[in-house]
C-alpha atoms as a PDB file:
ATOM      1  CA  MET A   1     -45.897  15.974 -19.135  1.00  0.00           C
ATOM      2  CA  SER A   2     -44.032  17.434 -16.406  1.00  0.00           C
ATOM      3  CA  ALA A   3     -44.727  14.862 -14.107  1.00  0.00           C
ATOM      4  CA  ARG A   4     -43.113  12.319 -16.544  1.00  0.00           C
ATOM      5  CA  ARG A   5     -39.595  14.523 -16.788  1.00  0.00           C
ATOM      6  CA  SER A   6     -39.986  14.951 -12.599  1.00  0.00           C
ATOM      7  CA  GLN A   7     -40.201  11.021 -12.377  1.00  0.00           C
ATOM      8  CA  ALA A   8     -37.439  10.911 -15.220  1.00  0.00           C
ATOM      9  CA  ARG A   9     -35.151  13.125 -13.273  1.00  0.00           C
ATOM     10  CA  LEU A  10     -35.596  11.522  -9.647  1.00  0.00           C
ATOM     11  CA  ARG A  11     -34.632   7.857 -11.475  1.00  0.00           C
ATOM     12  CA  ALA A  12     -31.748   9.900 -12.996  1.00  0.00           C
ATOM     13  CA  GLY A  13     -30.748  11.000  -9.555  1.00  0.00           C
ATOM     14  CA  LEU A  14     -31.379   8.033  -7.733  1.00  0.00           C
ATOM     15  CA  SER A  15     -29.638   6.345 -10.112  1.00  0.00           C
ATOM     16  CA  ALA A  16     -26.255   8.002 -10.225  1.00  0.00           C
ATOM     17  CA  LEU A  17     -26.456   9.003  -6.195  1.00  0.00           C
ATOM     18  CA  ALA A  18     -26.375   4.320  -6.712  1.00  0.00           C
ATOM     19  CA  GLY A  19     -23.017   4.592  -8.689  1.00  0.00           C
ATOM     20  CA  LEU A  20     -21.554   6.761  -6.554  1.00  0.00           C
ATOM     21  CA  LEU A  21     -22.164   4.711  -3.690  1.00  0.00           C
ATOM     22  CA  VAL A  22     -20.811   1.353  -5.130  1.00  0.00           C
ATOM     23  CA  LEU A  23     -18.366   3.423  -5.891  1.00  0.00           C
ATOM     24  CA  ALA A  24     -17.839   4.268  -2.376  1.00  0.00           C
ATOM     25  CA  VAL A  25     -18.115   1.030  -0.889  1.00  0.00           C
ATOM     26  CA  VAL A  26     -15.045  -0.795  -3.338  1.00  0.00           C
ATOM     27  CA  VAL A  27     -12.518   2.566  -2.295  1.00  0.00           C
ATOM     28  CA  LEU A  28     -13.674   1.666   1.164  1.00  0.00           C
ATOM     29  CA  VAL A  29     -12.924  -2.013   0.503  1.00  0.00           C
ATOM     30  CA  ALA A  30      -9.159  -1.155  -1.045  1.00  0.00           C
ATOM     31  CA  VAL A  31      -8.322   1.413   1.613  1.00  0.00           C
ATOM     32  CA  PHE A  32      -9.403  -0.543   4.472  1.00  0.00           C
ATOM     33  CA  GLY A  33      -9.922  -4.216   3.375  1.00  0.00           C
ATOM     34  CA  GLY A  34      -7.644  -7.271   4.846  1.00  0.00           C
ATOM     35  CA  ASP A  35      -5.921  -9.856   2.912  1.00  0.00           C
ATOM     36  CA  GLY A  36      -8.044 -12.273   5.234  1.00  0.00           C
ATOM     37  CA  SER A  37      -5.387 -13.431   7.437  1.00  0.00           C
ATOM     38  CA  PRO A  38      -5.367 -14.070  11.027  1.00  0.00           C
ATOM     39  CA  GLY A  39      -3.128 -11.300  12.408  1.00  0.00           C
ATOM     40  CA  PRO A  40       0.452  -9.932  11.657  1.00  0.00           C
ATOM     41  CA  ALA A  41       3.166 -12.805  11.199  1.00  0.00           C
ATOM     42  CA  PRO A  42       6.105 -13.283  14.022  1.00  0.00           C
ATOM     43  CA  ARG A  43       8.522 -10.893  13.812  1.00  0.00           C
ATOM     44  CA  THR A  44      11.976 -11.946  13.688  1.00  0.00           C
ATOM     45  CA  SER A  45      15.268  -8.926  13.630  1.00  0.00           C
ATOM     46  CA  ALA A  46      16.970  -8.458  10.783  1.00  0.00           C
ATOM     47  CA  THR A  47      20.573  -8.359  10.676  1.00  0.00           C
ATOM     48  CA  GLY A  48      22.333  -5.476  11.099  1.00  0.00           C
ATOM     49  CA  THR A  49      19.390  -3.637  12.642  1.00  0.00           C
ATOM     50  CA  ALA A  50      19.091  -2.336  16.372  1.00  0.00           C
ATOM     51  CA  ALA A  51      15.371  -0.325  16.323  1.00  0.00           C
ATOM     52  CA  ALA A  52      13.188  -1.890  13.581  1.00  0.00           C
ATOM     53  CA  THR A  53      12.467  -5.748  12.809  1.00  0.00           C
ATOM     54  CA  VAL A  54      11.685  -7.228   9.246  1.00  0.00           C
ATOM     55  CA  THR A  55       9.806 -10.691   8.294  1.00  0.00           C
ATOM     56  CA  GLY A  56      10.326 -12.616   5.524  1.00  0.00           C
ATOM     57  CA  SER A  57      13.035 -14.398   3.527  1.00  0.00           C
ATOM     58  CA  ALA A  58      15.679 -13.295   0.574  1.00  0.00           C
ATOM     59  CA  GLY A  59      12.273 -15.665  -1.333  1.00  0.00           C
ATOM     60  CA  ALA A  60       9.579 -14.411   0.272  1.00  0.00           C
ATOM     61  CA  ALA A  61       5.999 -13.600  -1.013  1.00  0.00           C
ATOM     62  CA  THR A  62       8.052 -14.565  -4.866  1.00  0.00           C
ATOM     63  CA  GLY A  63       5.852 -16.260  -7.578  1.00  0.00           C
ATOM     64  CA  GLY A  64       1.899 -14.977  -6.439  1.00  0.00           C
ATOM     65  CA  ALA A  65       2.669 -15.853  -2.918  1.00  0.00           C
ATOM     66  CA  ARG A  66       0.862 -13.472  -0.384  1.00  0.00           C
ATOM     67  CA  ALA A  67       2.866 -12.720   2.941  1.00  0.00           C
ATOM     68  CA  ALA A  68       1.132 -12.455   6.009  1.00  0.00           C
ATOM     69  CA  GLY A  69       0.152  -9.939   8.279  1.00  0.00           C
ATOM     70  CA  VAL A  70      -0.040  -7.534   4.722  1.00  0.00           C
ATOM     71  CA  PRO A  71      -2.867  -6.406   4.340  1.00  0.00           C
ATOM     72  CA  ALA A  72      -4.728  -5.912   0.169  1.00  0.00           C
ATOM     73  CA  ALA A  73      -4.181  -2.767  -0.221  1.00  0.00           C
ATOM     74  CA  ALA A  74      -0.273  -3.094   0.191  1.00  0.00           C
ATOM     75  CA  TYR A  75      -0.300  -5.631  -2.945  1.00  0.00           C
ATOM     76  CA  ALA A  76      -2.967  -3.468  -4.944  1.00  0.00           C
ATOM     77  CA  THR A  77      -0.636  -0.364  -4.003  1.00  0.00           C
ATOM     78  CA  LEU A  78       2.472  -2.723  -5.595  1.00  0.00           C
ATOM     79  CA  LYS A  79       1.077  -3.758  -9.002  1.00  0.00           C
ATOM     80  CA  LEU A  80       0.304   0.470  -9.113  1.00  0.00           C
ATOM     81  CA  ILE A  81       4.053   1.464  -8.154  1.00  0.00           C
ATOM     82  CA  ASP A  82       5.073  -1.496 -10.807  1.00  0.00           C
ATOM     83  CA  ALA A  83       3.397   0.002 -13.497  1.00  0.00           C
ATOM     84  CA  GLY A  84       4.142   3.241 -12.745  1.00  0.00           C
ATOM     85  CA  ASP A  85       0.822   4.517 -11.609  1.00  0.00           C
ATOM     86  CA  TRP A  86       1.222   5.259  -8.571  1.00  0.00           C
ATOM     87  CA  PRO A  87       0.514   8.203  -6.607  1.00  0.00           C
ATOM     88  CA  GLU A  88      -1.229   9.685  -9.422  1.00  0.00           C
ATOM     89  CA  GLY A  89      -2.735   6.419  -9.135  1.00  0.00           C
ATOM     90  CA  ALA A  90      -4.381   7.397  -5.895  1.00  0.00           C
ATOM     91  CA  HIS A  91      -5.993  10.576  -7.602  1.00  0.00           C
ATOM     92  CA  ALA A  92      -5.224  11.705  -4.011  1.00  0.00           C
ATOM     93  CA  PRO A  93      -3.658  15.169  -3.616  1.00  0.00           C
ATOM     94  CA  GLY A  94      -0.912  15.000  -1.211  1.00  0.00           C
ATOM     95  CA  THR A  95      -0.664  11.357  -1.759  1.00  0.00           C
ATOM     96  CA  LYS A  96       3.293  10.653  -1.827  1.00  0.00           C
ATOM     97  CA  GLY A  97       5.192   8.102  -3.488  1.00  0.00           C
ATOM     98  CA  GLY A  98       8.493   7.321  -5.357  1.00  0.00           C
ATOM     99  CA  THR A  99      10.785   9.223  -2.905  1.00  0.00           C
ATOM    100  CA  VAL A 100      14.063   8.065  -1.462  1.00  0.00           C
ATOM    101  CA  TRP A 101      14.330   6.540   1.949  1.00  0.00           C
ATOM    102  CA  GLN A 102      17.302   6.626   3.365  1.00  0.00           C
ATOM    103  CA  ASN A 103      17.876   3.318   5.164  1.00  0.00           C
ATOM    104  CA  ARG A 104      20.332   5.413   7.304  1.00  0.00           C
ATOM    105  CA  GLY A 105      19.337   2.948  10.250  1.00  0.00           C
ATOM    106  CA  GLY A 106      20.107  -0.446   7.830  1.00  0.00           C
ATOM    107  CA  SER A 107      16.785  -2.108   9.090  1.00  0.00           C
ATOM    108  CA  LEU A 108      16.222  -2.767   5.580  1.00  0.00           C
ATOM    109  CA  PRO A 109      19.394  -5.513   3.898  1.00  0.00           C
ATOM    110  CA  ARG A 110      22.848  -4.220   1.446  1.00  0.00           C
ATOM    111  CA  THR A 111      22.645  -7.195  -1.667  1.00  0.00           C
ATOM    112  CA  ALA A 112      23.924 -10.714  -1.179  1.00  0.00           C
ATOM    113  CA  ASP A 113      27.408  -9.532  -1.827  1.00  0.00           C
ATOM    114  CA  GLY A 114      27.032  -6.588   0.637  1.00  0.00           C
ATOM    115  CA  ALA A 115      26.606  -3.601  -1.673  1.00  0.00           C
ATOM    116  CA  LYS A 116      23.509  -0.900  -0.783  1.00  0.00           C
ATOM    117  CA  VAL A 117      20.811  -1.135  -2.374  1.00  0.00           C
ATOM    118  CA  THR A 118      19.165   2.113  -3.000  1.00  0.00           C
ATOM    119  CA  TYR A 119      15.452   2.152  -1.575  1.00  0.00           C
ATOM    120  CA  LEU A 120      12.396   4.169  -2.193  1.00  0.00           C
ATOM    121  CA  GLU A 121       9.512   4.508  -0.317  1.00  0.00           C
ATOM    122  CA  TRP A 122       5.532   5.355  -1.330  1.00  0.00           C
ATOM    123  CA  ASP A 123       1.594   5.512   0.500  1.00  0.00           C
ATOM    124  CA  VAL A 124      -0.239   2.702   0.412  1.00  0.00           C
ATOM    125  CA  ASN A 125      -3.268   4.285   0.883  1.00  0.00           C
ATOM    126  CA  PRO A 126      -4.462   6.962  -1.134  1.00  0.00           C
ATOM    127  CA  LYS A 127      -4.203  10.877   1.590  1.00  0.00           C
ATOM    128  CA  ARG A 128      -7.483  11.634   2.717  1.00  0.00           C
ATOM    129  CA  PRO A 129      -8.522  14.725   2.800  1.00  0.00           C
ATOM    130  CA  GLY A 130      -8.147  17.196   6.003  1.00  0.00           C
ATOM    131  CA  ARG A 131      -5.654  13.692   7.208  1.00  0.00           C
ATOM    132  CA  SER A 132      -2.689  13.493   7.648  1.00  0.00           C
ATOM    133  CA  ARG A 133      -0.976  10.621   5.714  1.00  0.00           C
ATOM    134  CA  ASP A 134      -1.438   6.989   7.953  1.00  0.00           C
ATOM    135  CA  ALA A 135       1.469   5.131   8.648  1.00  0.00           C
ATOM    136  CA  GLN A 136       1.618   2.177   5.989  1.00  0.00           C
ATOM    137  CA  ARG A 137       4.329   2.717   3.173  1.00  0.00           C
ATOM    138  CA  ILE A 138       5.702   0.508   0.844  1.00  0.00           C
ATOM    139  CA  VAL A 139       9.708   0.841   0.313  1.00  0.00           C
ATOM    140  CA  THR A 140      10.478  -0.901  -3.268  1.00  0.00           C
ATOM    141  CA  GLY A 141      14.703  -1.045  -3.847  1.00  0.00           C
ATOM    142  CA  SER A 142      17.103  -1.341  -6.423  1.00  0.00           C
ATOM    143  CA  ASP A 143      17.388  -5.294  -6.521  1.00  0.00           C
ATOM    144  CA  GLY A 144      13.826  -5.256  -7.121  1.00  0.00           C
ATOM    145  CA  SER A 145      12.624  -6.244  -3.046  1.00  0.00           C
ATOM    146  CA  ALA A 146       9.585  -4.809  -1.916  1.00  0.00           C
ATOM    147  CA  TRP A 147       8.781  -4.146   1.410  1.00  0.00           C
ATOM    148  CA  TYR A 148       5.144  -3.355   3.608  1.00  0.00           C
ATOM    149  CA  THR A 149       5.323  -1.278   6.687  1.00  0.00           C
ATOM    150  CA  GLY A 150       1.981  -0.775   9.079  1.00  0.00           C
ATOM    151  CA  ASP A 151       4.386   1.246  11.974  1.00  0.00           C
ATOM    152  CA  HIS A 152       5.692   3.723  10.140  1.00  0.00           C
ATOM    153  CA  TYR A 153       9.236   2.102   9.948  1.00  0.00           C
ATOM    154  CA  SER A 154       9.301   0.464  13.118  1.00  0.00           C
ATOM    155  CA  THR A 155       8.871  -3.368  11.230  1.00  0.00           C
ATOM    156  CA  PHE A 156       9.326  -4.888   7.639  1.00  0.00           C
ATOM    157  CA  THR A 157       7.178  -7.041   6.438  1.00  0.00           C
ATOM    158  CA  ARG A 158       8.467  -8.590   3.179  1.00  0.00           C
ATOM    159  CA  MET A 159       6.225  -8.477  -0.098  1.00  0.00           C
ATOM    160  CA  ARG A 160       8.965  -9.691  -2.411  1.00  0.00           C
END
């Protein structure tokens, strides 16, 4: 009887380990997975900027289309932001989101009629223990826009 219990415990332990392994792979793919694009799109200068550049027009990446150069993880995070589940949904202490981004250099545009847009910044990836936050961010605008930066605000690609 004791041998059967040992085997049952061993099987239960292996099943739990297999489940954790699957979960780890899913998390790694979500965090580091690409969108399948060949690389970043060409950058164009944004109106009124000196340092940062943006890619995409006012209608870019709407209707379900994805902008070239934006990783799938950024779109997954944007979905959580829109649902009100980020950064809490990251389940990672130190992950930031929803703080005001000043747009001091005018890197991102105003509205078509010249009105100021209020922007909020969000981490794309959950913060990993013992490491600093990475450079990837999403910046959302009060006009409904969303911008991706993979290099900590030097360049932007419009997500919607």
